[in-house]
Amino acid sequence: MAKAAKTAIKTKDQKAAAEAKNWTKVIRTVRSPKTGAYTFKEAIVHKDKIKEHLAG
């Protein structure tokens, strides 16, 4: 049988766990000017700043 997925963050500090849920991993595709190949850039961004990060 498969293991059950654990979705809750288990920590002693519930406030820190709630703050951790406000961050998102953003993956952007960037085209190389030399080769024309695509690469991926990853960043951890606060959920309120995602649109600013993608625009810039």
Protein backbone atom coordinates (compact mmCIF):
# COMPACT_ATOMS: atom_id res chain seq x y z
CA MET A 1 0.00 0.00 0.00
CA ALA A 2 1.07 3.56 -0.66
CA LYS A 3 1.87 5.97 2.14
CA ALA A 4 -0.65 8.65 2.97
CA ALA A 5 0.38 12.14 1.85
CA LYS A 6 1.24 14.47 4.68
CA THR A 7 0.00 17.95 3.81
CA ALA A 8 0.27 19.57 7.22
CA ILE A 9 3.56 21.13 8.24
CA LYS A 10 4.54 19.58 11.55
CA THR A 11 6.39 21.95 13.78
CA LYS A 12 6.29 23.11 17.35
CA ASP A 13 5.85 26.72 16.29
CA GLN A 14 2.45 27.10 14.59
CA LYS A 15 3.09 30.77 13.76
CA ALA A 16 6.21 29.84 11.78
CA ALA A 17 4.26 27.13 9.98
CA ALA A 18 1.57 29.63 8.99
CA GLU A 19 4.22 32.07 7.73
CA ALA A 20 5.91 29.36 5.66
CA LYS A 21 2.71 28.88 3.67
CA ASN A 22 3.03 32.47 2.36
CA TRP A 23 6.07 31.60 0.22
CA THR A 24 5.89 30.11 -3.28
CA LYS A 25 8.45 28.54 -5.60
CA VAL A 26 8.45 30.36 -8.95
CA ILE A 27 10.02 28.71 -11.99
CA ARG A 28 10.68 30.88 -15.05
CA THR A 29 11.91 29.86 -18.49
CA VAL A 30 14.72 32.06 -19.79
CA ARG A 31 16.05 31.90 -23.31
CA SER A 32 19.82 32.00 -23.70
CA PRO A 33 20.98 34.77 -26.07
CA LYS A 34 23.96 32.70 -27.27
CA THR A 35 22.42 29.32 -28.04
CA GLY A 36 18.70 30.05 -28.04
CA ALA A 37 18.13 27.16 -25.64
CA TYR A 38 15.75 27.53 -22.73
CA THR A 39 16.90 27.30 -19.12
CA PHE A 40 14.91 27.39 -15.93
CA LYS A 41 15.41 29.90 -13.12
CA GLU A 42 13.93 29.04 -9.75
CA ALA A 43 13.21 31.45 -6.90
CA ILE A 44 11.32 31.39 -3.61
CA VAL A 45 9.07 34.46 -3.57
CA HIS A 46 6.49 35.79 -1.10
CA LYS A 47 2.98 35.25 -2.45
CA ASP A 48 2.27 39.00 -2.50
CA LYS A 49 5.27 39.70 -4.77
CA ILE A 50 4.81 36.99 -7.44
CA LYS A 51 3.48 39.32 -10.16
CA GLU A 52 6.30 41.81 -9.55
CA HIS A 53 8.88 39.02 -9.80
CA LEU A 54 7.46 37.69 -13.06
CA ALA A 55 7.23 41.18 -14.59
CA GLY A 56 10.83 42.06 -13.77
